Protein backbone atom coordinates (compact mmCIF):
# COMPACT_ATOMS: atom_id res chain seq x y z
CA UNK A 1 0.61 -28.31 8.52
CA UNK A 2 1.03 -24.63 7.57
CA UNK A 3 -0.55 -21.86 9.65
CA UNK A 4 -2.16 -19.14 7.65
CA UNK A 5 -2.66 -15.59 8.72
CA UNK A 6 -4.73 -12.91 7.10
CA UNK A 7 -4.04 -9.14 7.48
CA UNK A 8 -6.09 -6.17 6.55
CA UNK A 9 -4.77 -2.80 5.82
CA UNK A 10 -6.38 0.58 5.19
CA UNK A 11 -4.99 4.07 4.60
CA UNK A 12 -6.11 7.45 3.37
CA UNK A 13 -4.38 10.66 2.38
CA UNK A 14 -5.53 14.19 1.40
CA UNK A 15 -5.24 15.25 -2.10
CA UNK A 16 -2.92 18.21 -2.49
CA UNK A 17 -1.41 20.29 -5.36
CA UNK A 18 2.27 19.92 -5.58
CA UNK A 19 3.36 16.37 -4.62
CA UNK A 20 3.41 13.57 -7.12
CA UNK A 21 0.74 11.02 -7.14
CA UNK A 22 2.46 7.69 -6.33
CA UNK A 23 0.59 4.42 -6.08
CA UNK A 24 2.28 1.18 -5.50
CA UNK A 25 5.67 2.77 -6.25
CA UNK A 26 4.48 4.12 -9.62
CA UNK A 27 4.33 7.84 -10.30
CA UNK A 28 0.94 8.47 -12.00
CA UNK A 29 0.58 11.60 -14.30
CA UNK A 30 -1.73 13.95 -12.47
CA UNK A 31 -2.22 17.52 -11.60
CA UNK A 32 -2.30 16.57 -7.92
CA UNK A 33 -0.75 14.22 -5.55
CA UNK A 34 -1.21 12.98 -2.00
CA UNK A 35 -0.19 14.78 1.04
CA UNK A 36 1.86 12.87 3.72
CA UNK A 37 5.08 12.77 5.60
CA UNK A 38 6.51 10.19 3.32
CA UNK A 39 5.73 9.94 -0.31
CA UNK A 40 2.11 9.31 0.66
CA UNK A 41 1.81 6.19 -1.31
CA UNK A 42 -1.71 5.19 0.13
CA UNK A 43 -1.60 1.76 -1.60
CA UNK A 44 1.86 0.80 -0.32
CA UNK A 45 0.78 1.99 3.10
CA UNK A 46 -2.28 -0.28 3.17
CA UNK A 47 -0.28 -3.33 2.02
CA UNK A 48 2.48 -2.62 4.58
CA UNK A 49 -0.20 -2.41 7.44
CA UNK A 50 -1.83 -5.70 6.19
CA UNK A 51 1.52 -7.42 6.31
CA UNK A 52 2.22 -6.21 9.70
CA UNK A 53 -1.22 -7.03 10.97
CA UNK A 54 -1.13 -10.61 9.74
CA UNK A 55 2.14 -11.22 11.50
CA UNK A 56 0.83 -9.31 14.63
CA UNK A 57 3.65 -6.78 14.35
CA UNK A 58 1.81 -3.58 14.96
CA UNK A 59 1.19 -0.94 12.25
CA UNK A 60 3.07 1.34 10.01
CA UNK A 61 2.96 4.23 12.43
CA UNK A 62 4.85 2.15 15.08
CA UNK A 63 7.61 1.37 12.62
CA UNK A 64 7.75 4.60 10.64
CA UNK A 65 6.30 7.44 12.78
CA UNK A 66 5.44 10.72 11.02
CA UNK A 67 7.18 12.49 13.76
CA UNK A 68 10.50 11.02 12.85
CA UNK A 69 12.32 13.37 10.27
CA UNK A 70 14.11 10.26 8.74
CA UNK A 71 10.95 9.43 6.93
CA UNK A 72 10.20 12.81 5.44
CA UNK A 73 9.65 12.34 1.73
CA UNK A 74 10.62 8.57 2.07
CA UNK A 75 9.88 6.08 -0.67
CA UNK A 76 7.17 3.90 0.86
CA UNK A 77 8.42 0.76 -0.94
CA UNK A 78 11.02 0.71 1.80
CA UNK A 79 8.32 0.46 4.34
CA UNK A 80 6.90 -2.53 2.48
CA UNK A 81 10.23 -4.25 2.31
CA UNK A 82 10.74 -3.69 5.99
CA UNK A 83 7.31 -5.10 6.99
CA UNK A 84 8.07 -8.21 4.80
CA UNK A 85 11.46 -8.64 6.40
CA UNK A 86 9.87 -8.51 9.77
CA UNK A 87 7.22 -11.09 8.80
CA UNK A 88 9.89 -13.41 7.49
CA UNK A 89 11.90 -13.07 10.74
CA UNK A 90 8.81 -14.13 12.56
CA UNK A 91 8.64 -17.22 10.41
CA UNK A 92 6.08 -16.21 7.66
CA UNK A 93 6.10 -15.96 3.88
CA UNK A 94 3.83 -13.84 1.94
CA UNK A 95 1.31 -15.86 -0.16
CA UNK A 96 -0.65 -13.06 -1.87
CA UNK A 97 -1.89 -9.51 -1.88
CA UNK A 98 -5.44 -8.28 -2.91
CA UNK A 99 -5.81 -4.52 -2.86
CA UNK A 100 -8.10 -1.68 -3.92
CA UNK A 101 -7.41 1.96 -4.46
CA UNK A 102 -10.40 4.37 -4.10
CA UNK A 103 -9.79 7.49 -5.98
CA UNK A 104 -12.28 9.61 -8.02
CA UNK A 105 -9.65 10.70 -10.61
CA UNK A 106 -7.54 10.19 -12.58
CA UNK A 107 -8.53 6.87 -14.05
CA UNK A 108 -5.88 4.25 -13.16
CA UNK A 109 -6.65 1.18 -15.34
CA UNK A 110 -3.74 1.99 -17.69
CA UNK A 111 -1.31 1.77 -14.72
CA UNK A 112 -2.51 -1.54 -13.24
CA UNK A 113 0.24 -3.57 -14.93
CA UNK A 114 3.12 -1.35 -13.88
CA UNK A 115 1.77 -1.18 -10.30
CA UNK A 116 1.37 -4.86 -10.07
CA UNK A 117 4.86 -5.52 -11.42
CA UNK A 118 6.48 -3.06 -9.09
CA UNK A 119 4.74 -4.43 -6.08
CA UNK A 120 5.45 -8.01 -7.09
CA UNK A 121 9.15 -7.22 -7.61
CA UNK A 122 9.32 -5.58 -4.27
CA UNK A 123 7.62 -8.41 -2.52
CA UNK A 124 9.40 -11.20 -4.30
CA UNK A 125 6.05 -12.55 -5.59
CA UNK A 126 4.85 -13.65 -8.98
CA UNK A 127 2.66 -10.95 -10.50
CA UNK A 128 -0.21 -13.36 -10.44
CA UNK A 129 -0.28 -13.17 -6.69
CA UNK A 130 -0.59 -9.40 -6.64
CA UNK A 131 -4.12 -8.07 -7.28
CA UNK A 132 -4.68 -4.21 -7.61
CA UNK A 133 -8.19 -2.98 -8.26
CA UNK A 134 -9.39 0.56 -8.69
CA UNK A 135 -12.74 1.99 -7.62
CA UNK A 136 -14.32 5.49 -7.43
CA UNK A 137 -16.48 6.54 -4.45
CA UNK A 138 -19.20 7.75 -6.99
CA UNK A 139 -18.94 11.32 -5.70
CA UNK A 140 -19.80 10.33 -2.17
CA UNK A 141 -17.77 11.38 0.85
CA UNK A 142 -14.23 12.96 0.94
CA UNK A 143 -12.88 10.61 -1.69
CA UNK A 144 -15.91 11.14 -4.04
CA UNK A 145 -15.54 14.86 -3.61
CA UNK A 146 -11.96 14.68 -4.71
CA UNK A 147 -10.52 15.60 -1.27
CA UNK A 148 -8.76 12.42 -0.46
CA UNK A 149 -7.76 8.95 -1.70
CA UNK A 150 -8.03 5.60 0.19
CA UNK A 151 -6.59 2.16 -0.16
CA UNK A 152 -7.42 -1.22 1.21
CA UNK A 153 -5.47 -4.44 1.19
CA UNK A 154 -5.69 -7.98 2.37
CA UNK A 155 -2.76 -10.29 2.53
CA UNK A 156 -2.27 -13.86 3.38
CA UNK A 157 0.92 -15.08 5.19
CA UNK A 158 1.85 -18.72 5.70
CA UNK A 159 4.39 -20.27 8.08
CA UNK A 160 7.43 -21.40 6.41
CA UNK A 161 8.01 -25.16 6.26
């Protein structure tokens, strides 16, 4: 019988002028981006944390601390690949990803396909096992005020047979 594990990931980053807005490894045209030590890909960070959590392997900060200059400006898809490799080494396979980006603007629906495809390719999953949803905060709190972006992710891991 397979063992199933569920992991929850969450991340947030401040909005800033200058950096690119990258979500799920896809650069989104925007007059602002997200501030962070790496590329500040809030979606990829949340999924990375969810994978690490499901496998009880810590969190993204343990593996990629923002105090380490090696990760300055790093492509967050490498964090995702590393988390998946660690989960596989622990005997797990990724079953699916369900995620949500919370951002007031820009509207993201036109980028859903590209984001899902990029994440699926990075994770070695069929696209129909990668869900990406978009929400606004309805002008409530830091996200709603246009000061930050958040992402949430849930993943399911299964033991390999």
